[in-house]
Amino acid sequence: MSGVAAALPAEGPDIIDVQLALGQQCLDRGGAERAQAVEWFRIAARSGDARAVNMLGRCHEHGWGVPADPVLAAAHYRRAAELGDAWALFNLADLHCRGLGVAADDAEAYRLYAAAARGGNVKALNMLGLFHEAGRAVAEDGAGARQLFQAAAEGGDCWGRFNHARLLLQDGRTEEALGWFARALETGFPDFHRGMAAALADQPDPRLRALARRASELAGDIS
């Protein structure tokens, strides 16, 4: 995930903020512009800005403007994490979850997600919830998972909202679940919307199926 969206200082952006913003604009435009985005992030990273180093990792992980290289992505994430970037901790944890560019290591992933959560990354709370729910790297702990999902949901994470709603629905608390599913749509993105649509499409409650259709619309799969 990106760490570029940090709030700008009240007195206005400094040169690093401008470089990061220009890089993000190039990424958003896509195509050949992505190579220019990498250059902006490299320029910003020369000052030791952790956000810029993290974004270089993102570019190398996903092949945005450069050939995909998960090993180099991990190296950038590691450096940015050492500089204190919570998104870099999260992104490096994701690589350990998948064994991409680094060894597959649930214990290390859990440690990094926990560090990211301590740094204020709410998406890391959701991932910790999944680990506790499944008993990955830690003992299975349903109550702990619920607390983590709720904290992620209240913090605004779409997957945290979905998982919190999923467990509320499992408990028969349908009205509360509906509210959280609806709120998840507000902060989601296309891949999330597709996942939510698939999860709710066959639910017996027509209100849940309506949410599934809305999620498909937001994903751009139906009009």
C-alpha atoms as a PDB file:
ATOM      1  CA  MET A   1       0.000   0.000   0.000  1.00  0.00           C
ATOM      2  CA  SER A   2       0.995   3.556  -0.581  1.00  0.00           C
ATOM      3  CA  GLY A   3       2.346   5.861   2.070  1.00  0.00           C
ATOM      4  CA  VAL A   4       2.138   8.965  -0.127  1.00  0.00           C
ATOM      5  CA  ALA A   5      -1.248  10.098   1.118  1.00  0.00           C
ATOM      6  CA  ALA A   6       0.084  11.535   4.376  1.00  0.00           C
ATOM      7  CA  ALA A   7      -1.303  14.943   5.317  1.00  0.00           C
ATOM      8  CA  LEU A   8       0.750  17.892   4.173  1.00  0.00           C
ATOM      9  CA  PRO A   9       2.106  20.252   6.811  1.00  0.00           C
ATOM     10  CA  ALA A  10      -0.084  23.238   7.659  1.00  0.00           C
ATOM     11  CA  GLU A  11       2.416  25.754   6.244  1.00  0.00           C
ATOM     12  CA  GLY A  12       2.279  24.104   2.803  1.00  0.00           C
ATOM     13  CA  PRO A  13       4.138  21.311   1.053  1.00  0.00           C
ATOM     14  CA  ASP A  14       7.917  21.174   1.093  1.00  0.00           C
ATOM     15  CA  ILE A  15       9.958  20.008  -1.891  1.00  0.00           C
ATOM     16  CA  ILE A  16       9.742  16.321  -0.914  1.00  0.00           C
ATOM     17  CA  ASP A  17       5.946  16.495  -0.665  1.00  0.00           C
ATOM     18  CA  VAL A  18       5.845  18.075  -4.126  1.00  0.00           C
ATOM     19  CA  GLN A  19       8.086  15.357  -5.584  1.00  0.00           C
ATOM     20  CA  LEU A  20       5.944  12.632  -4.040  1.00  0.00           C
ATOM     21  CA  ALA A  21       2.756  14.257  -5.304  1.00  0.00           C
ATOM     22  CA  LEU A  22       4.178  14.512  -8.835  1.00  0.00           C
ATOM     23  CA  GLY A  23       5.205  10.870  -8.671  1.00  0.00           C
ATOM     24  CA  GLN A  24       1.742   9.840  -7.534  1.00  0.00           C
ATOM     25  CA  GLN A  25       0.135  11.846 -10.344  1.00  0.00           C
ATOM     26  CA  CYS A  26       2.321  10.055 -12.896  1.00  0.00           C
ATOM     27  CA  LEU A  27       1.368   6.693 -11.387  1.00  0.00           C
ATOM     28  CA  ASP A  28      -2.309   7.579 -11.553  1.00  0.00           C
ATOM     29  CA  ARG A  29      -2.030   8.528 -15.231  1.00  0.00           C
ATOM     30  CA  GLY A  30      -0.468   5.132 -15.950  1.00  0.00           C
ATOM     31  CA  GLY A  31       1.205   3.935 -19.128  1.00  0.00           C
ATOM     32  CA  ALA A  32       4.540   5.500 -20.005  1.00  0.00           C
ATOM     33  CA  GLU A  33       4.029   8.067 -17.225  1.00  0.00           C
ATOM     34  CA  ARG A  34       4.884   5.392 -14.672  1.00  0.00           C
ATOM     35  CA  ALA A  35       8.565   5.484 -15.613  1.00  0.00           C
ATOM     36  CA  GLN A  36       8.549   9.192 -14.743  1.00  0.00           C
ATOM     37  CA  ALA A  37       6.875   8.353 -11.431  1.00  0.00           C
ATOM     38  CA  VAL A  38       9.814   6.109 -10.552  1.00  0.00           C
ATOM     39  CA  GLU A  39      12.199   8.987 -11.277  1.00  0.00           C
ATOM     40  CA  TRP A  40      10.271  11.334  -8.988  1.00  0.00           C
ATOM     41  CA  PHE A  41      10.327   8.748  -6.194  1.00  0.00           C
ATOM     42  CA  ARG A  42      14.060   8.198  -6.705  1.00  0.00           C
ATOM     43  CA  ILE A  43      14.705  11.939  -6.468  1.00  0.00           C
ATOM     44  CA  ALA A  44      12.667  12.161  -3.255  1.00  0.00           C
ATOM     45  CA  ALA A  45      14.346   9.056  -1.829  1.00  0.00           C
ATOM     46  CA  ARG A  46      17.791  10.620  -2.126  1.00  0.00           C
ATOM     47  CA  SER A  47      16.928  12.786   0.866  1.00  0.00           C
ATOM     48  CA  GLY A  48      16.198   9.660   2.912  1.00  0.00           C
ATOM     49  CA  ASP A  49      12.423  10.173   2.859  1.00  0.00           C
ATOM     50  CA  ALA A  50      10.874   6.892   4.030  1.00  0.00           C
ATOM     51  CA  ARG A  51       7.671   7.419   2.029  1.00  0.00           C
ATOM     52  CA  ALA A  52       9.628   7.743  -1.208  1.00  0.00           C
ATOM     53  CA  VAL A  53      11.676   4.626  -0.491  1.00  0.00           C
ATOM     54  CA  ASN A  54       8.459   2.734   0.234  1.00  0.00           C
ATOM     55  CA  MET A  55       6.983   3.894  -3.077  1.00  0.00           C
ATOM     56  CA  LEU A  56      10.071   2.671  -4.923  1.00  0.00           C
ATOM     57  CA  GLY A  57       9.359  -0.688  -3.325  1.00  0.00           C
ATOM     58  CA  ARG A  58       5.787  -0.526  -4.601  1.00  0.00           C
ATOM     59  CA  CYS A  59       6.981   0.220  -8.118  1.00  0.00           C
ATOM     60  CA  HIS A  60       9.433  -2.678  -8.101  1.00  0.00           C
ATOM     61  CA  GLU A  61       6.895  -5.054  -6.559  1.00  0.00           C
ATOM     62  CA  HIS A  62       4.192  -4.329  -9.141  1.00  0.00           C
ATOM     63  CA  GLY A  63       6.305  -3.468 -12.181  1.00  0.00           C
ATOM     64  CA  TRP A  64       5.143   0.143 -12.315  1.00  0.00           C
ATOM     65  CA  GLY A  65       7.577   1.868 -14.686  1.00  0.00           C
ATOM     66  CA  VAL A  66      10.304  -0.707 -14.010  1.00  0.00           C
ATOM     67  CA  PRO A  67      10.547  -4.493 -14.409  1.00  0.00           C
ATOM     68  CA  ALA A  68       8.867  -6.294 -11.522  1.00  0.00           C
ATOM     69  CA  ASP A  69      11.528  -7.345  -9.009  1.00  0.00           C
ATOM     70  CA  PRO A  70      10.171  -8.540  -5.641  1.00  0.00           C
ATOM     71  CA  VAL A  71      13.660  -8.989  -4.193  1.00  0.00           C
ATOM     72  CA  LEU A  72      14.496  -5.347  -4.856  1.00  0.00           C
ATOM     73  CA  ALA A  73      11.016  -4.356  -3.622  1.00  0.00           C
ATOM     74  CA  ALA A  74      11.720  -6.131  -0.326  1.00  0.00           C
ATOM     75  CA  ALA A  75      15.041  -4.319   0.000  1.00  0.00           C
ATOM     76  CA  HIS A  76      13.322  -0.945  -0.443  1.00  0.00           C
ATOM     77  CA  TYR A  77      10.591  -1.873   2.036  1.00  0.00           C
ATOM     78  CA  ARG A  78      13.184  -2.973   4.553  1.00  0.00           C
ATOM     79  CA  ARG A  79      15.064   0.311   4.241  1.00  0.00           C
ATOM     80  CA  ALA A  80      11.867   2.360   4.502  1.00  0.00           C
ATOM     81  CA  ALA A  81      10.801   0.332   7.539  1.00  0.00           C
ATOM     82  CA  GLU A  82      14.133   1.084   9.203  1.00  0.00           C
ATOM     83  CA  LEU A  83      13.381   4.765   8.542  1.00  0.00           C
ATOM     84  CA  GLY A  84      10.087   4.377  10.400  1.00  0.00           C
ATOM     85  CA  ASP A  85       7.492   3.994   7.619  1.00  0.00           C
ATOM     86  CA  ALA A  86       4.477   1.949   8.773  1.00  0.00           C
ATOM     87  CA  TRP A  87       3.350   1.238   5.202  1.00  0.00           C
ATOM     88  CA  ALA A  88       6.729  -0.304   4.450  1.00  0.00           C
ATOM     89  CA  LEU A  89       6.337  -2.611   7.446  1.00  0.00           C
ATOM     90  CA  PHE A  90       2.910  -3.631   6.130  1.00  0.00           C
ATOM     91  CA  ASN A  91       4.181  -4.177   2.588  1.00  0.00           C
ATOM     92  CA  LEU A  92       7.150  -6.242   3.747  1.00  0.00           C
ATOM     93  CA  ALA A  93       4.791  -8.322   5.885  1.00  0.00           C
ATOM     94  CA  ASP A  94       2.669  -8.966   2.793  1.00  0.00           C
ATOM     95  CA  LEU A  95       5.721 -10.257   0.934  1.00  0.00           C
ATOM     96  CA  HIS A  96       6.490 -12.668   3.782  1.00  0.00           C
ATOM     97  CA  CYS A  97       2.859 -13.832   3.702  1.00  0.00           C
ATOM     98  CA  ARG A  98       3.207 -14.724   0.034  1.00  0.00           C
ATOM     99  CA  GLY A  99       6.839 -15.782  -0.016  1.00  0.00           C
ATOM    100  CA  LEU A 100       7.447 -13.192  -2.728  1.00  0.00           C
ATOM    101  CA  GLY A 101      11.015 -11.868  -2.884  1.00  0.00           C
ATOM    102  CA  VAL A 102      11.585 -13.113   0.672  1.00  0.00           C
ATOM    103  CA  ALA A 103      11.087 -16.375   2.527  1.00  0.00           C
ATOM    104  CA  ALA A 104       7.495 -17.335   3.306  1.00  0.00           C
ATOM    105  CA  ASP A 105       7.422 -16.765   7.058  1.00  0.00           C
ATOM    106  CA  ASP A 106       4.165 -16.335   8.983  1.00  0.00           C
ATOM    107  CA  ALA A 107       5.947 -15.484  12.227  1.00  0.00           C
ATOM    108  CA  GLU A 108       7.917 -12.676  10.592  1.00  0.00           C
ATOM    109  CA  ALA A 109       4.809 -11.451   8.772  1.00  0.00           C
ATOM    110  CA  TYR A 110       2.908 -11.320  12.063  1.00  0.00           C
ATOM    111  CA  ARG A 111       5.758  -9.410  13.742  1.00  0.00           C
ATOM    112  CA  LEU A 112       5.829  -6.864  10.915  1.00  0.00           C
ATOM    113  CA  TYR A 113       2.044  -6.451  10.825  1.00  0.00           C
ATOM    114  CA  ALA A 114       2.092  -5.855  14.583  1.00  0.00           C
ATOM    115  CA  ALA A 115       4.809  -3.223  14.172  1.00  0.00           C
ATOM    116  CA  ALA A 116       2.824  -1.569  11.368  1.00  0.00           C
ATOM    117  CA  ALA A 117      -0.287  -1.540  13.569  1.00  0.00           C
ATOM    118  CA  ARG A 118       1.663   0.102  16.366  1.00  0.00           C
ATOM    119  CA  GLY A 119       2.670   2.719  13.801  1.00  0.00           C
ATOM    120  CA  GLY A 120      -0.983   3.491  13.085  1.00  0.00           C
ATOM    121  CA  ASN A 121      -1.645   1.315  10.037  1.00  0.00           C
ATOM    122  CA  VAL A 122      -5.267   0.134  10.384  1.00  0.00           C
ATOM    123  CA  LYS A 123      -5.003  -2.369   7.521  1.00  0.00           C
ATOM    124  CA  ALA A 124      -2.432  -4.200   9.617  1.00  0.00           C
ATOM    125  CA  LEU A 125      -5.068  -4.631  12.333  1.00  0.00           C
ATOM    126  CA  ASN A 126      -7.254  -6.510   9.857  1.00  0.00           C
ATOM    127  CA  MET A 127      -4.357  -8.766   8.862  1.00  0.00           C
ATOM    128  CA  LEU A 128      -3.602  -9.505  12.514  1.00  0.00           C
ATOM    129  CA  GLY A 129      -7.273 -10.405  12.912  1.00  0.00           C
ATOM    130  CA  LEU A 130      -6.989 -12.936  10.075  1.00  0.00           C
ATOM    131  CA  PHE A 131      -3.917 -14.472  11.711  1.00  0.00           C
ATOM    132  CA  HIS A 132      -5.712 -14.821  15.041  1.00  0.00           C
ATOM    133  CA  GLU A 133      -8.840 -16.203  13.395  1.00  0.00           C
ATOM    134  CA  ALA A 134      -6.889 -18.855  11.464  1.00  0.00           C
ATOM    135  CA  GLY A 135      -4.294 -19.610  14.140  1.00  0.00           C
ATOM    136  CA  ARG A 136      -1.408 -18.560  11.881  1.00  0.00           C
ATOM    137  CA  ALA A 137       1.829 -17.783  13.770  1.00  0.00           C
ATOM    138  CA  VAL A 138      -0.248 -17.456  16.972  1.00  0.00           C
ATOM    139  CA  ALA A 139      -2.764 -19.622  18.790  1.00  0.00           C
ATOM    140  CA  GLU A 140      -6.267 -19.521  17.331  1.00  0.00           C
ATOM    141  CA  ASP A 141      -8.163 -16.757  19.114  1.00  0.00           C
ATOM    142  CA  GLY A 142     -11.639 -15.934  17.838  1.00  0.00           C
ATOM    143  CA  ALA A 143     -12.298 -13.272  20.457  1.00  0.00           C
ATOM    144  CA  GLY A 144      -9.015 -11.547  19.687  1.00  0.00           C
ATOM    145  CA  ALA A 145      -9.761 -11.682  15.952  1.00  0.00           C
ATOM    146  CA  ARG A 146     -13.119 -10.008  16.538  1.00  0.00           C
ATOM    147  CA  GLN A 147     -11.525  -7.188  18.497  1.00  0.00           C
ATOM    148  CA  LEU A 148      -8.929  -6.622  15.799  1.00  0.00           C
ATOM    149  CA  PHE A 149     -11.507  -6.649  12.990  1.00  0.00           C
ATOM    150  CA  GLN A 150     -13.648  -4.163  14.894  1.00  0.00           C
ATOM    151  CA  ALA A 151     -10.682  -1.867  15.488  1.00  0.00           C
ATOM    152  CA  ALA A 152      -9.773  -2.036  11.785  1.00  0.00           C
ATOM    153  CA  ALA A 153     -13.405  -1.391  10.849  1.00  0.00           C
ATOM    154  CA  GLU A 154     -13.675   1.617  13.112  1.00  0.00           C
ATOM    155  CA  GLY A 155     -10.378   2.871  11.701  1.00  0.00           C
ATOM    156  CA  GLY A 156     -11.852   2.864   8.187  1.00  0.00           C
ATOM    157  CA  ASP A 157     -10.301  -0.217   6.581  1.00  0.00           C
ATOM    158  CA  CYS A 158     -12.643  -1.780   4.013  1.00  0.00           C
ATOM    159  CA  TRP A 159     -11.512  -5.361   4.697  1.00  0.00           C
ATOM    160  CA  GLY A 160     -11.745  -4.755   8.428  1.00  0.00           C
ATOM    161  CA  ARG A 161     -15.314  -3.530   7.932  1.00  0.00           C
ATOM    162  CA  PHE A 162     -16.110  -6.566   5.775  1.00  0.00           C
ATOM    163  CA  ASN A 163     -14.672  -9.043   8.274  1.00  0.00           C
ATOM    164  CA  HIS A 164     -16.354  -7.328  11.213  1.00  0.00           C
ATOM    165  CA  ALA A 165     -19.664  -7.492   9.311  1.00  0.00           C
ATOM    166  CA  ARG A 166     -19.033 -11.120   8.327  1.00  0.00           C
ATOM    167  CA  LEU A 167     -18.744 -12.170  11.958  1.00  0.00           C
ATOM    168  CA  LEU A 168     -21.746 -10.069  12.990  1.00  0.00           C
ATOM    169  CA  LEU A 169     -23.746 -11.866  10.298  1.00  0.00           C
ATOM    170  CA  GLN A 170     -22.454 -15.192  11.581  1.00  0.00           C
ATOM    171  CA  ASP A 171     -23.761 -14.222  15.042  1.00  0.00           C
ATOM    172  CA  GLY A 172     -27.208 -13.443  13.626  1.00  0.00           C
ATOM    173  CA  ARG A 173     -26.770  -9.677  14.083  1.00  0.00           C
ATOM    174  CA  THR A 174     -27.919  -8.979  10.547  1.00  0.00           C
ATOM    175  CA  GLU A 175     -28.938  -5.333  10.929  1.00  0.00           C
ATOM    176  CA  GLU A 176     -25.543  -4.387  12.324  1.00  0.00           C
ATOM    177  CA  ALA A 177     -23.809  -6.447   9.648  1.00  0.00           C
ATOM    178  CA  LEU A 178     -25.724  -4.675   6.880  1.00  0.00           C
ATOM    179  CA  GLY A 179     -24.523  -1.318   8.148  1.00  0.00           C
ATOM    180  CA  TRP A 180     -20.898  -2.384   8.200  1.00  0.00           C
ATOM    181  CA  PHE A 181     -21.079  -4.027   4.776  1.00  0.00           C
ATOM    182  CA  ALA A 182     -22.479  -0.766   3.404  1.00  0.00           C
ATOM    183  CA  ARG A 183     -19.682   1.204   5.052  1.00  0.00           C
ATOM    184  CA  ALA A 184     -17.123  -1.192   3.585  1.00  0.00           C
ATOM    185  CA  LEU A 185     -18.321  -0.254   0.098  1.00  0.00           C
ATOM    186  CA  GLU A 186     -17.560   3.396   0.838  1.00  0.00           C
ATOM    187  CA  THR A 187     -13.844   2.801   1.381  1.00  0.00           C
ATOM    188  CA  GLY A 188     -13.271  -0.121  -0.979  1.00  0.00           C
ATOM    189  CA  PHE A 189     -11.472  -0.466  -4.328  1.00  0.00           C
ATOM    190  CA  PRO A 190     -12.243  -2.617  -7.395  1.00  0.00           C
ATOM    191  CA  ASP A 191     -10.625  -5.867  -6.242  1.00  0.00           C
ATOM    192  CA  PHE A 192     -12.232  -5.511  -2.827  1.00  0.00           C
ATOM    193  CA  HIS A 193     -15.616  -4.834  -4.423  1.00  0.00           C
ATOM    194  CA  ARG A 194     -15.279  -7.991  -6.538  1.00  0.00           C
ATOM    195  CA  GLY A 195     -14.440 -10.055  -3.475  1.00  0.00           C
ATOM    196  CA  MET A 196     -17.370  -8.647  -1.534  1.00  0.00           C
ATOM    197  CA  ALA A 197     -19.730  -9.239  -4.460  1.00  0.00           C
ATOM    198  CA  ALA A 198     -18.669 -12.898  -4.669  1.00  0.00           C
ATOM    199  CA  ALA A 199     -19.034 -13.372  -0.913  1.00  0.00           C
ATOM    200  CA  LEU A 200     -22.575 -11.954  -0.737  1.00  0.00           C
ATOM    201  CA  ALA A 201     -24.039 -12.963  -4.108  1.00  0.00           C
ATOM    202  CA  ASP A 202     -25.631 -16.198  -2.857  1.00  0.00           C
ATOM    203  CA  GLN A 203     -26.842 -14.947   0.519  1.00  0.00           C
ATOM    204  CA  PRO A 204     -30.540 -15.679   1.220  1.00  0.00           C
ATOM    205  CA  ASP A 205     -31.265 -12.156   2.488  1.00  0.00           C
ATOM    206  CA  PRO A 206     -32.179  -9.961  -0.526  1.00  0.00           C
ATOM    207  CA  ARG A 207     -30.601  -6.941   1.169  1.00  0.00           C
ATOM    208  CA  LEU A 208     -27.241  -8.725   1.142  1.00  0.00           C
ATOM    209  CA  ARG A 209     -27.693  -9.680  -2.503  1.00  0.00           C
ATOM    210  CA  ALA A 210     -28.449  -6.030  -3.248  1.00  0.00           C
ATOM    211  CA  LEU A 211     -25.151  -5.081  -1.617  1.00  0.00           C
ATOM    212  CA  ALA A 212     -23.423  -7.713  -3.768  1.00  0.00           C
ATOM    213  CA  ARG A 213     -24.892  -6.115  -6.888  1.00  0.00           C
ATOM    214  CA  ARG A 214     -23.808  -2.669  -5.746  1.00  0.00           C
ATOM    215  CA  ALA A 215     -20.288  -4.005  -5.133  1.00  0.00           C
ATOM    216  CA  SER A 216     -20.208  -5.400  -8.680  1.00  0.00           C
ATOM    217  CA  GLU A 217     -21.297  -2.031 -10.031  1.00  0.00           C
ATOM    218  CA  LEU A 218     -18.549  -0.262  -8.110  1.00  0.00           C
ATOM    219  CA  ALA A 219     -16.026  -2.779  -9.451  1.00  0.00           C
ATOM    220  CA  GLY A 220     -17.171  -1.893 -12.963  1.00  0.00           C
ATOM    221  CA  ASP A 221     -18.344  -5.428 -13.689  1.00  0.00           C
ATOM    222  CA  ILE A 222     -21.975  -4.473 -14.312  1.00  0.00           C
ATOM    223  CA  SER A 223     -23.709  -1.224 -15.194  1.00  0.00           C
END
